[in-house]
C-alpha atoms as a PDB file:
ATOM      1  CA  MET A   1     -96.130  56.809 -44.668  1.00  0.00           C
ATOM      2  CA  ALA A   2     -97.620  54.369 -47.182  1.00  0.00           C
ATOM      3  CA  GLU A   3     -96.394  50.788 -47.239  1.00  0.00           C
ATOM      4  CA  THR A   4     -94.350  49.809 -50.308  1.00  0.00           C
ATOM      5  CA  ALA A   5     -94.827  46.659 -52.383  1.00  0.00           C
ATOM      6  CA  ASN A   6     -91.587  45.262 -50.942  1.00  0.00           C
ATOM      7  CA  GLN A   7     -92.832  45.830 -47.386  1.00  0.00           C
ATOM      8  CA  LEU A   8     -96.116  44.143 -48.316  1.00  0.00           C
ATOM      9  CA  VAL A   9     -94.211  41.096 -49.621  1.00  0.00           C
ATOM     10  CA  LEU A  10     -92.207  40.904 -46.398  1.00  0.00           C
ATOM     11  CA  LYS A  11     -95.421  40.968 -44.373  1.00  0.00           C
ATOM     12  CA  CYS A  12     -97.017  38.241 -46.545  1.00  0.00           C
ATOM     13  CA  ASN A  13     -93.926  36.017 -46.321  1.00  0.00           C
ATOM     14  CA  ALA A  14     -93.749  36.443 -42.528  1.00  0.00           C
ATOM     15  CA  ILE A  15     -97.349  35.301 -42.137  1.00  0.00           C
ATOM     16  CA  ALA A  16     -96.860  32.452 -44.634  1.00  0.00           C
ATOM     17  CA  HIS A  17     -93.743  31.253 -42.790  1.00  0.00           C
ATOM     18  CA  ASP A  18     -95.840  31.087 -39.623  1.00  0.00           C
ATOM     19  CA  GLY A  19     -98.107  28.588 -41.406  1.00  0.00           C
ATOM     20  CA  ALA A  20    -100.769  30.742 -43.077  1.00  0.00           C
ATOM     21  CA  ASP A  21    -101.960  29.584 -46.491  1.00  0.00           C
ATOM     22  CA  PHE A  22    -103.000  31.962 -49.268  1.00  0.00           C
ATOM     23  CA  PRO A  23    -106.670  32.321 -48.238  1.00  0.00           C
ATOM     24  CA  ILE A  24    -105.589  33.489 -44.777  1.00  0.00           C
ATOM     25  CA  VAL A  25    -103.005  35.929 -46.185  1.00  0.00           C
ATOM     26  CA  TRP A  26    -105.604  37.232 -48.636  1.00  0.00           C
ATOM     27  CA  GLU A  27    -108.243  37.816 -45.940  1.00  0.00           C
ATOM     28  CA  THR A  28    -105.940  39.257 -43.274  1.00  0.00           C
ATOM     29  CA  VAL A  29    -103.462  41.311 -45.300  1.00  0.00           C
ATOM     30  CA  LEU A  30    -104.191  41.694 -48.991  1.00  0.00           C
ATOM     31  CA  LYS A  31    -107.943  41.970 -49.551  1.00  0.00           C
ATOM     32  CA  THR A  32    -108.315  45.489 -48.167  1.00  0.00           C
ATOM     33  CA  HIS A  33    -104.733  46.738 -48.641  1.00  0.00           C
ATOM     34  CA  ALA A  34    -104.417  50.096 -50.410  1.00  0.00           C
ATOM     35  CA  LEU A  35    -101.864  48.735 -52.909  1.00  0.00           C
ATOM     36  CA  VAL A  36    -104.060  45.854 -54.101  1.00  0.00           C
ATOM     37  CA  ALA A  37    -105.868  46.726 -57.335  1.00  0.00           C
ATOM     38  CA  ASP A  38    -107.720  43.515 -58.161  1.00  0.00           C
ATOM     39  CA  GLN A  39    -108.675  39.981 -57.177  1.00  0.00           C
ATOM     40  CA  PRO A  40    -106.020  37.245 -57.501  1.00  0.00           C
ATOM     41  CA  ILE A  41    -105.858  35.304 -60.738  1.00  0.00           C
ATOM     42  CA  GLN A  42    -104.139  31.988 -61.347  1.00  0.00           C
ATOM     43  CA  THR A  43    -101.329  32.063 -63.894  1.00  0.00           C
ATOM     44  CA  LEU A  44     -98.387  29.838 -64.782  1.00  0.00           C
ATOM     45  CA  ASP A  45     -94.744  30.674 -64.229  1.00  0.00           C
ATOM     46  CA  ASP A  46     -92.013  30.069 -66.831  1.00  0.00           C
ATOM     47  CA  ASP A  47     -91.808  26.416 -65.759  1.00  0.00           C
ATOM     48  CA  GLU A  48     -95.583  25.934 -66.183  1.00  0.00           C
ATOM     49  CA  ARG A  49     -96.170  25.788 -62.407  1.00  0.00           C
ATOM     50  CA  PRO A  50     -99.317  27.456 -61.023  1.00  0.00           C
ATOM     51  CA  GLN A  51     -99.040  30.721 -59.167  1.00  0.00           C
ATOM     52  CA  LEU A  52    -101.401  33.427 -57.988  1.00  0.00           C
ATOM     53  CA  GLU A  53    -100.947  36.926 -59.341  1.00  0.00           C
ATOM     54  CA  ILE A  54    -102.378  40.097 -57.825  1.00  0.00           C
ATOM     55  CA  ARG A  55    -102.149  43.405 -59.663  1.00  0.00           C
ATOM     56  CA  LEU A  56    -101.057  46.371 -57.563  1.00  0.00           C
ATOM     57  CA  VAL A  57    -102.064  49.995 -58.099  1.00  0.00           C
ATOM     58  CA  ASN A  58     -98.453  51.023 -58.792  1.00  0.00           C
ATOM     59  CA  GLY A  59     -98.139  48.724 -61.833  1.00  0.00           C
ATOM     60  CA  GLN A  60     -96.350  45.950 -59.987  1.00  0.00           C
ATOM     61  CA  ARG A  61     -97.657  42.412 -59.455  1.00  0.00           C
ATOM     62  CA  LEU A  62     -97.597  40.413 -56.253  1.00  0.00           C
ATOM     63  CA  ILE A  63     -96.876  36.746 -56.981  1.00  0.00           C
ATOM     64  CA  CYS A  64     -97.624  33.813 -54.691  1.00  0.00           C
ATOM     65  CA  LYS A  65     -95.924  30.585 -55.768  1.00  0.00           C
ATOM     66  CA  SER A  66     -98.469  27.838 -55.146  1.00  0.00           C
ATOM     67  CA  ASP A  67     -95.876  25.101 -54.586  1.00  0.00           C
ATOM     68  CA  THR A  68     -93.790  26.988 -51.993  1.00  0.00           C
ATOM     69  CA  ASN A  69     -96.253  29.549 -50.553  1.00  0.00           C
ATOM     70  CA  GLU A  70     -93.577  32.227 -51.163  1.00  0.00           C
ATOM     71  CA  TYR A  71     -94.426  35.788 -52.148  1.00  0.00           C
ATOM     72  CA  SER A  72     -92.504  38.121 -54.442  1.00  0.00           C
ATOM     73  CA  VAL A  73     -93.127  41.341 -56.312  1.00  0.00           C
ATOM     74  CA  LEU A  74     -92.576  41.927 -60.018  1.00  0.00           C
ATOM     75  CA  TRP A  75     -92.995  44.815 -62.380  1.00  0.00           C
ATOM     76  CA  ALA A  76     -95.718  44.310 -64.939  1.00  0.00           C
ATOM     77  CA  PRO A  77     -94.374  43.078 -68.281  1.00  0.00           C
ATOM     78  CA  ARG A  78     -93.488  45.817 -70.707  1.00  0.00           C
ATOM     79  CA  ARG A  79     -95.860  46.229 -73.584  1.00  0.00           C
ATOM     80  CA  ARG A  80     -94.367  46.056 -77.040  1.00  0.00           C
ATOM     81  CA  SER A  81     -94.951  48.972 -79.330  1.00  0.00           C
ATOM     82  CA  PHE A  82     -96.197  48.240 -82.817  1.00  0.00           C
END
């Protein structure tokens, strides 16, 4: 059975809580994972704090908060129709 985005986040957070920084999580878990669609990009959250965002093949985004090294999953923002 394929791993879900939520299961992927749990795995990333477990490794991060054991002391792994983002480059280690990227190399050991994310880089070759079937759900990962693209390279990480740096974005800003609503409070203008840096975070890393990774697009997933299912339309979700994996977010790594740079200040806390915490991972979460979000749906991609809805596009407005014209």
